[in-house]
N, C-alpha and C. Protein backbone atom coordinates (compact mmCIF):
# COMPACT_ATOMS: atom_id res chain seq x y z
N MET A 1 151.70 115.51 131.11
CA MET A 1 150.49 115.92 131.72
C MET A 1 150.09 116.91 131.02
N LYS A 2 151.16 117.86 129.96
CA LYS A 2 150.51 118.58 129.00
C LYS A 2 150.12 117.70 127.48
N LYS A 3 150.89 116.75 127.22
CA LYS A 3 150.34 115.86 126.39
C LYS A 3 148.87 115.27 126.05
N PHE A 4 148.51 115.19 127.70
CA PHE A 4 147.44 114.15 128.08
C PHE A 4 146.16 115.43 127.99
N TYR A 5 146.41 116.65 128.25
CA TYR A 5 145.51 117.69 127.87
C TYR A 5 145.25 118.52 126.36
N TYR A 6 146.78 118.25 125.60
CA TYR A 6 146.40 118.35 124.19
C TYR A 6 145.80 117.26 123.55
N SER A 7 145.81 116.16 124.21
CA SER A 7 145.28 115.08 123.24
C SER A 7 143.47 115.25 123.41
N ILE A 8 143.24 115.53 124.86
CA ILE A 8 141.66 115.48 125.30
C ILE A 8 141.13 116.70 124.38
N ILE A 9 141.84 117.47 124.11
CA ILE A 9 141.35 118.89 123.13
C ILE A 9 141.26 118.68 121.97
N LEU A 10 142.12 117.91 121.71
CA LEU A 10 142.49 117.53 120.00
C LEU A 10 141.30 116.36 120.10
N LEU A 11 141.16 115.23 120.49
CA LEU A 11 139.80 114.63 120.45
C LEU A 11 138.51 115.38 120.86
N SER A 12 138.30 116.31 121.48
CA SER A 12 136.99 116.94 121.58
C SER A 12 136.64 117.79 120.42
N ILE A 13 138.04 118.06 119.73
CA ILE A 13 137.57 118.99 118.82
C ILE A 13 137.32 118.15 117.36
N ILE A 14 137.59 117.07 117.60
CA ILE A 14 137.53 115.70 116.23
C ILE A 14 136.13 115.38 116.55
N PHE A 15 135.89 114.91 117.74
CA PHE A 15 134.49 114.63 118.19
C PHE A 15 133.50 115.62 117.76
N VAL A 16 133.58 116.92 118.00
CA VAL A 16 132.46 118.02 117.87
C VAL A 16 132.55 118.16 115.97
N THR A 17 133.37 118.15 115.32
CA THR A 17 133.58 118.57 113.90
C THR A 17 132.60 117.12 113.55
N GLY A 18 132.94 115.88 113.93
CA GLY A 18 132.31 114.99 113.34
C GLY A 18 131.09 114.96 113.66
N CYS A 19 130.55 114.99 114.75
CA CYS A 19 129.01 115.27 114.98
C CYS A 19 128.46 116.41 113.81
N ASN A 20 129.39 117.36 113.45
CA ASN A 20 128.45 118.20 112.37
C ASN A 20 128.74 117.97 111.43
N SER A 21 129.52 117.05 111.01
CA SER A 21 129.49 116.84 109.49
C SER A 21 128.53 115.74 108.90
N GLY A 22 127.66 115.81 109.25
CA GLY A 22 126.47 114.55 109.02
C GLY A 22 125.61 115.26 107.56
N GLY A 23 125.90 116.60 107.08
CA GLY A 23 125.38 116.98 105.90
C GLY A 23 124.28 118.09 106.38
N LEU A 24 123.72 118.26 105.58
CA LEU A 24 122.65 119.31 105.24
C LEU A 24 121.63 118.94 106.44
N SER A 25 120.97 119.54 107.20
CA SER A 25 119.58 119.52 107.83
C SER A 25 118.65 119.67 106.89
N VAL A 26 117.65 118.45 106.56
CA VAL A 26 116.79 118.45 105.56
C VAL A 26 115.36 117.90 106.26
N LEU A 27 114.01 117.99 106.04
CA LEU A 27 112.94 117.26 106.31
C LEU A 27 112.57 116.45 105.06
N SER A 28 111.92 115.76 105.34
CA SER A 28 111.49 114.71 104.48
C SER A 28 110.32 115.38 103.62
N VAL A 29 110.36 115.35 102.47
CA VAL A 29 109.51 116.00 101.58
C VAL A 29 108.95 114.78 100.35
N THR A 30 107.79 114.47 100.42
CA THR A 30 107.13 113.68 99.50
C THR A 30 105.85 114.44 98.82
N GLY A 31 105.10 113.80 97.59
CA GLY A 31 103.99 114.60 96.96
C GLY A 31 103.55 113.41 95.89
N GLU A 32 102.62 113.76 95.12
CA GLU A 32 102.07 113.39 94.31
C GLU A 32 102.06 114.55 93.13
N VAL A 33 102.12 114.28 91.67
CA VAL A 33 102.26 114.95 90.60
C VAL A 33 101.22 114.37 89.85
N THR A 34 100.16 115.28 89.33
CA THR A 34 98.90 114.81 88.31
C THR A 34 99.05 115.98 87.11
N TYR A 35 98.56 115.36 86.06
CA TYR A 35 98.22 116.24 84.74
C TYR A 35 96.66 116.05 84.36
N ASN A 36 95.61 117.13 84.76
CA ASN A 36 94.28 116.73 84.03
C ASN A 36 94.24 115.89 84.72
N GLY A 37 94.28 115.63 86.23
CA GLY A 37 93.37 114.75 86.90
C GLY A 37 94.63 113.00 86.88
N LYS A 38 95.52 112.89 85.89
CA LYS A 38 96.22 111.50 85.79
C LYS A 38 97.38 111.59 86.50
N PRO A 39 97.94 110.58 86.97
CA PRO A 39 99.40 110.82 87.68
C PRO A 39 100.33 110.70 86.49
N VAL A 40 101.45 111.43 86.75
CA VAL A 40 102.50 112.02 85.65
C VAL A 40 103.42 110.93 86.26
N GLU A 41 104.11 109.97 85.08
CA GLU A 41 105.69 109.12 85.41
C GLU A 41 106.34 109.68 85.20
N ASN A 42 107.58 109.69 85.41
CA ASN A 42 108.79 110.16 85.15
C ASN A 42 109.00 111.82 84.86
N ALA A 43 108.40 112.16 85.77
CA ALA A 43 108.42 114.06 85.51
C ALA A 43 109.56 114.30 86.53
N LEU A 44 110.18 115.23 86.09
CA LEU A 44 111.03 115.98 86.84
C LEU A 44 110.72 117.10 87.89
N ILE A 45 110.57 116.92 89.04
CA ILE A 45 110.32 117.83 90.01
C ILE A 45 111.48 118.63 90.63
N SER A 46 111.25 120.01 90.68
CA SER A 46 112.50 120.89 91.05
C SER A 46 111.88 121.64 91.96
N PHE A 47 112.14 121.94 93.17
CA PHE A 47 112.31 122.97 94.42
C PHE A 47 113.22 123.72 94.34
N VAL A 48 112.81 124.94 93.78
CA VAL A 48 113.89 126.18 93.45
C VAL A 48 113.64 127.26 94.69
N PRO A 49 114.71 127.14 95.77
CA PRO A 49 114.50 127.84 97.08
C PRO A 49 114.13 129.59 96.86
N GLN A 50 113.78 130.11 97.41
CA GLN A 50 113.29 131.60 97.18
C GLN A 50 114.14 132.70 98.46
N SER A 51 115.12 131.80 98.87
CA SER A 51 116.07 132.26 99.99
C SER A 51 117.43 131.85 99.49
N SER A 52 118.28 132.97 99.85
CA SER A 52 119.83 132.60 99.12
C SER A 52 120.90 131.66 99.92
N ASN A 53 120.16 131.62 101.46
CA ASN A 53 120.91 130.75 102.05
C ASN A 53 120.28 129.20 102.27
N SER A 54 119.55 128.74 101.26
CA SER A 54 119.03 127.39 100.73
C SER A 54 119.39 126.83 99.96
N ARG A 55 119.16 125.22 99.71
CA ARG A 55 119.30 124.82 98.35
C ARG A 55 118.37 123.97 97.99
N GLY A 56 118.67 123.93 96.56
CA GLY A 56 117.10 123.10 95.95
C GLY A 56 117.27 121.82 96.16
N ALA A 57 116.38 121.56 95.81
CA ALA A 57 115.87 119.84 96.07
C ALA A 57 115.20 119.61 94.85
N SER A 58 115.46 118.08 94.40
CA SER A 58 114.61 117.56 93.27
C SER A 58 114.50 115.83 93.32
N GLY A 59 113.10 115.49 92.53
CA GLY A 59 113.37 113.94 92.36
C GLY A 59 112.20 113.77 91.23
N GLN A 60 112.16 112.39 90.92
CA GLN A 60 111.54 112.17 89.90
C GLN A 60 110.35 111.36 90.22
N SER A 61 109.06 111.36 89.25
CA SER A 61 108.12 110.69 89.65
C SER A 61 107.73 109.54 89.18
N GLU A 62 107.42 108.62 90.06
CA GLU A 62 107.03 107.16 89.95
C GLU A 62 105.79 106.93 89.17
N SER A 63 105.65 105.73 88.77
CA SER A 63 104.28 105.32 87.92
C SER A 63 103.17 105.96 88.44
N ASN A 64 102.88 105.89 89.40
CA ASN A 64 101.64 106.44 90.10
C ASN A 64 101.49 108.07 90.70
N GLY A 65 102.81 108.86 90.01
CA GLY A 65 102.60 110.07 90.18
C GLY A 65 103.51 110.35 91.36
N THR A 66 103.79 109.58 92.47
CA THR A 66 104.54 109.92 93.68
C THR A 66 105.87 110.25 93.54
N PHE A 67 106.41 110.90 94.33
CA PHE A 67 107.75 111.60 94.48
C PHE A 67 108.46 111.63 95.77
N THR A 68 109.84 111.56 95.92
CA THR A 68 110.30 111.94 97.35
C THR A 68 111.41 112.71 96.49
N LEU A 69 111.83 113.92 97.38
CA LEU A 69 112.78 114.83 96.99
C LEU A 69 114.16 114.77 97.84
N LEU A 70 115.34 114.95 97.04
CA LEU A 70 116.79 114.93 97.53
C LEU A 70 117.25 115.93 97.51
N THR A 71 117.97 116.55 98.35
CA THR A 71 118.93 117.75 98.57
C THR A 71 120.59 117.51 97.96
N GLN A 72 120.97 117.57 97.34
CA GLN A 72 122.80 117.62 97.06
C GLN A 72 123.61 117.90 98.78
N GLY A 73 124.14 117.12 99.45
CA GLY A 73 125.02 117.14 100.28
C GLY A 73 124.28 116.84 101.72
N ALA A 74 123.13 116.20 101.50
CA ALA A 74 122.35 115.87 102.69
C ALA A 74 122.50 114.50 102.63
N THR A 75 122.54 113.78 103.69
CA THR A 75 122.58 112.27 104.10
C THR A 75 121.53 111.61 104.27
N LYS A 76 120.20 111.99 104.06
CA LYS A 76 118.73 111.73 104.08
C LYS A 76 118.08 112.35 103.00
N SER A 77 116.98 111.93 102.51
CA SER A 77 115.90 112.63 101.59
C SER A 77 115.47 113.69 101.85
N GLY A 78 115.05 114.77 101.36
CA GLY A 78 114.47 115.83 101.72
C GLY A 78 114.99 117.05 101.44
N ALA A 79 114.07 118.31 101.60
CA ALA A 79 114.42 119.60 101.61
C ALA A 79 114.68 120.53 102.97
N MET A 80 115.54 121.64 102.62
CA MET A 80 115.67 122.55 103.67
C MET A 80 114.55 123.21 104.14
N LEU A 81 114.12 123.79 105.41
CA LEU A 81 113.13 124.69 105.68
C LEU A 81 113.18 125.87 104.64
N GLY A 82 111.79 126.28 104.44
CA GLY A 82 111.89 127.60 103.62
C GLY A 82 110.79 127.56 102.52
N GLU A 83 110.88 128.29 101.99
CA GLU A 83 109.62 128.65 100.59
C GLU A 83 110.30 128.31 99.18
N TYR A 84 109.62 127.90 98.45
CA TYR A 84 110.01 127.22 97.03
C TYR A 84 108.94 127.34 96.19
N LYS A 85 109.52 127.78 95.05
CA LYS A 85 108.96 127.83 93.77
C LYS A 85 108.97 126.34 93.14
N ILE A 86 108.07 126.09 92.44
CA ILE A 86 108.12 124.29 92.11
C ILE A 86 108.28 124.34 90.14
N LEU A 87 109.16 123.67 89.93
CA LEU A 87 109.08 123.40 88.57
C LEU A 87 108.80 121.91 88.13
N VAL A 88 107.99 121.58 87.26
CA VAL A 88 107.39 120.12 86.71
C VAL A 88 107.98 120.18 85.31
N SER A 89 108.48 119.09 84.73
CA SER A 89 108.44 119.07 83.31
C SER A 89 108.82 117.78 83.00
N LYS A 90 108.57 117.18 81.77
CA LYS A 90 108.53 115.75 81.30
C LYS A 90 108.88 116.04 79.93
N VAL A 91 110.16 115.60 79.37
CA VAL A 91 110.59 115.60 77.92
C VAL A 91 110.78 114.02 77.72
N VAL A 92 110.25 114.09 76.36
CA VAL A 92 110.57 112.92 75.58
C VAL A 92 111.48 112.54 74.52
N GLU A 93 111.87 111.93 73.79
CA GLU A 93 112.34 111.98 72.90
C GLU A 93 111.24 111.35 71.49
N ILE A 94 111.21 111.46 70.36
CA ILE A 94 110.00 110.97 69.44
C ILE A 94 110.59 110.67 68.26
N ASP A 95 110.48 109.64 67.68
CA ASP A 95 111.03 109.22 66.36
C ASP A 95 110.40 110.07 65.19
N GLU A 96 110.65 109.63 63.87
CA GLU A 96 109.94 110.09 62.65
C GLU A 96 108.61 109.94 62.88
N SER A 97 107.97 109.10 63.17
CA SER A 97 106.67 108.51 63.28
C SER A 97 105.77 109.47 64.42
N GLY A 98 106.54 109.99 65.15
CA GLY A 98 105.87 110.66 66.37
C GLY A 98 105.93 109.52 67.72
N ASN A 99 106.35 108.45 67.61
CA ASN A 99 106.69 107.84 68.77
C ASN A 99 107.61 108.04 69.66
N GLU A 100 107.41 107.66 70.79
CA GLU A 100 108.25 107.94 72.25
C GLU A 100 109.36 106.89 71.97
N VAL A 101 110.55 107.20 72.05
CA VAL A 101 111.46 106.17 72.06
C VAL A 101 111.96 106.01 73.46
N LYS A 102 112.03 104.73 73.30
CA LYS A 102 112.25 104.11 74.50
C LYS A 102 114.00 103.26 74.32
N ARG A 103 114.69 104.38 75.04
CA ARG A 103 116.26 103.99 75.06
C ARG A 103 116.53 102.85 76.12
N VAL A 104 117.41 101.80 75.68
CA VAL A 104 118.10 101.06 76.68
C VAL A 104 119.42 100.76 76.67
N PHE A 105 120.16 101.26 77.70
CA PHE A 105 121.67 101.54 77.57
C PHE A 105 122.08 100.37 78.08
N SER A 106 123.02 99.83 77.46
CA SER A 106 123.86 98.57 78.16
C SER A 106 124.84 99.03 78.42
N LYS A 107 125.57 98.19 79.69
CA LYS A 107 127.24 98.37 79.96
C LYS A 107 128.02 98.82 79.32
N GLY A 108 128.06 98.22 78.07
CA GLY A 108 129.01 98.83 77.76
C GLY A 108 128.78 99.25 76.38
N TYR A 109 129.23 100.26 75.20
CA TYR A 109 128.95 100.51 74.22
C TYR A 109 128.90 99.48 72.94
N ASP A 110 127.73 99.52 72.23
CA ASP A 110 127.57 98.34 71.45
C ASP A 110 127.27 99.21 70.02
N PRO A 111 128.27 99.08 69.05
CA PRO A 111 128.44 99.58 67.85
C PRO A 111 127.12 99.26 66.49
N THR A 112 126.71 98.30 67.09
CA THR A 112 125.24 97.98 66.29
C THR A 112 124.25 98.60 66.78
N ASN A 113 124.40 98.74 68.05
CA ASN A 113 122.96 99.47 68.52
C ASN A 113 122.96 100.95 67.90
N THR A 114 122.42 101.40 66.83
CA THR A 114 122.43 102.63 66.42
C THR A 114 121.37 103.58 67.11
N GLN A 115 120.42 103.11 67.86
CA GLN A 115 119.28 103.97 68.86
C GLN A 115 120.04 104.46 69.84
N GLU A 116 121.48 104.14 70.23
CA GLU A 116 122.08 104.78 71.23
C GLU A 116 122.78 106.13 70.85
N GLU A 117 123.17 106.10 69.44
CA GLU A 117 123.87 107.44 68.86
C GLU A 117 122.74 108.39 68.39
N LYS A 118 121.84 107.66 67.82
CA LYS A 118 120.97 108.55 66.89
C LYS A 118 120.35 109.74 67.78
N MET A 119 120.19 111.02 67.39
CA MET A 119 119.56 112.08 68.35
C MET A 119 118.13 112.21 67.76
N PHE A 120 117.35 112.35 68.62
CA PHE A 120 115.61 112.44 68.16
C PHE A 120 115.33 113.95 68.76
N PRO A 121 114.60 114.52 68.02
CA PRO A 121 113.75 115.53 68.49
C PRO A 121 112.92 115.41 70.03
N GLN A 122 112.83 116.34 70.65
CA GLN A 122 112.38 115.96 72.26
C GLN A 122 110.73 116.86 72.10
N LYS A 123 109.90 116.25 72.89
CA LYS A 123 108.81 116.58 72.67
C LYS A 123 108.66 116.96 74.32
N LYS A 124 107.70 118.04 74.70
CA LYS A 124 107.51 118.22 76.20
C LYS A 124 106.21 118.02 76.26
N LEU A 125 105.80 117.01 77.24
CA LEU A 125 104.56 116.60 77.42
C LEU A 125 103.69 117.27 78.69
N LEU A 126 104.50 118.34 79.08
CA LEU A 126 103.53 119.23 79.97
C LEU A 126 103.54 120.72 80.02
N PRO A 127 102.55 121.26 80.14
CA PRO A 127 102.37 122.96 79.81
C PRO A 127 104.05 123.40 80.13
N GLU A 128 104.12 124.38 79.35
CA GLU A 128 105.58 124.91 79.47
C GLU A 128 105.59 125.75 80.64
N LYS A 129 104.38 126.24 80.96
CA LYS A 129 104.68 127.32 82.49
C LYS A 129 104.90 126.61 83.70
N TYR A 130 104.93 125.49 83.85
CA TYR A 130 105.16 124.61 84.97
C TYR A 130 107.14 124.30 84.78
N ALA A 131 107.59 124.44 84.01
CA ALA A 131 109.37 124.40 83.79
C ALA A 131 109.74 125.55 83.77
N LYS A 132 109.41 126.82 84.06
CA LYS A 132 110.01 127.88 84.21
C LYS A 132 109.67 128.56 85.19
N GLU A 133 110.70 129.41 86.44
CA GLU A 133 110.58 129.78 87.33
C GLU A 133 109.93 131.27 87.19
N GLU A 134 109.80 131.81 86.16
CA GLU A 134 109.26 132.90 86.03
C GLU A 134 107.37 132.82 85.80
N THR A 135 107.34 131.40 85.20
CA THR A 135 105.77 131.62 85.15
C THR A 135 105.35 130.59 85.92
N THR A 136 105.60 129.35 86.65
CA THR A 136 104.97 128.76 87.37
C THR A 136 104.27 129.35 88.48
N ASP A 137 102.93 128.85 88.84
CA ASP A 137 102.57 129.23 89.89
C ASP A 137 102.24 128.41 91.38
N LEU A 138 103.28 127.14 91.09
CA LEU A 138 103.14 126.33 92.25
C LEU A 138 104.26 126.88 93.11
N MET A 139 103.87 126.95 94.53
CA MET A 139 104.70 127.45 95.25
C MET A 139 104.53 126.58 96.64
N VAL A 140 105.58 126.39 97.52
CA VAL A 140 105.05 125.78 99.14
C VAL A 140 106.07 126.00 99.59
N THR A 141 105.83 125.88 100.92
CA THR A 141 106.61 126.14 102.31
C THR A 141 107.06 124.65 102.87
N VAL A 142 108.16 124.36 103.33
CA VAL A 142 108.85 123.33 103.44
C VAL A 142 108.84 123.79 105.29
N GLU A 143 107.97 123.04 106.23
CA GLU A 143 107.88 123.43 107.61
C GLU A 143 108.42 122.13 108.46
N LYS A 144 108.51 122.39 109.80
CA LYS A 144 108.84 121.11 110.46
C LYS A 144 107.37 120.85 111.05
N LYS A 145 107.15 119.91 110.27
CA LYS A 145 105.87 119.06 110.13
C LYS A 145 105.94 118.25 109.03
N LYS A 146 104.90 117.44 108.72
CA LYS A 146 104.81 116.64 107.43
C LYS A 146 104.73 117.46 106.24
N ASN A 147 105.67 117.08 105.06
CA ASN A 147 105.41 117.84 104.11
C ASN A 147 105.13 117.22 102.85
N HIS A 148 103.87 116.65 102.43
CA HIS A 148 103.47 116.10 101.36
C HIS A 148 102.31 116.99 100.84
N PHE A 149 102.81 116.84 99.44
CA PHE A 149 102.37 118.07 98.51
C PHE A 149 102.01 117.74 97.49
N LYS A 150 100.38 118.20 96.72
CA LYS A 150 99.66 117.62 96.04
C LYS A 150 100.03 118.32 94.80
N LEU A 151 100.74 118.30 93.79
CA LEU A 151 100.72 119.19 92.34
C LEU A 151 99.51 118.81 91.70
N GLU A 152 98.95 119.70 91.31
CA GLU A 152 97.99 119.27 90.49
C GLU A 152 97.99 120.46 89.20
N LEU A 153 98.65 120.03 87.71
CA LEU A 153 98.89 120.60 86.64
C LEU A 153 97.48 120.54 85.86
N LYS A 154 97.43 121.91 85.03
CA LYS A 154 96.20 121.90 84.29
C LYS A 154 96.50 122.67 83.23
N ASP A 155 95.76 122.41 82.16
CA ASP A 155 96.35 122.96 80.50
C ASP A 155 95.95 124.39 80.77
């Protein structure tokens, strides 16, 4: 009979632990990023938590400027409740002529593709103030509601 009770207790512990291991509790967070009124493609958007008991979240903008955030350790997309400063940056590599370098990486290393090994200077395409926590003026609060944020960057 003792084995039966121990088995029930053990199964209860496993069940309760299993139910709580689904990752962090996050809420869906989406948005749009524009610069001088135009959508920004391939920008990195980072939500920096202003509370020590929260985690940051990040995403990358699509061609129409829309983005969805992800939080490491969460089983679904989104961000934790709380206040965040928002960082937005977009950096590209430029060649000697000032043109953007488009890299195409193959699955394996190709020694004939010098584009993969050569380093190019980087150029920031958005104002620097949005890339630093100390200078960004973008701030939002993720709440238990629809969290869709329009980030309007200007010179």
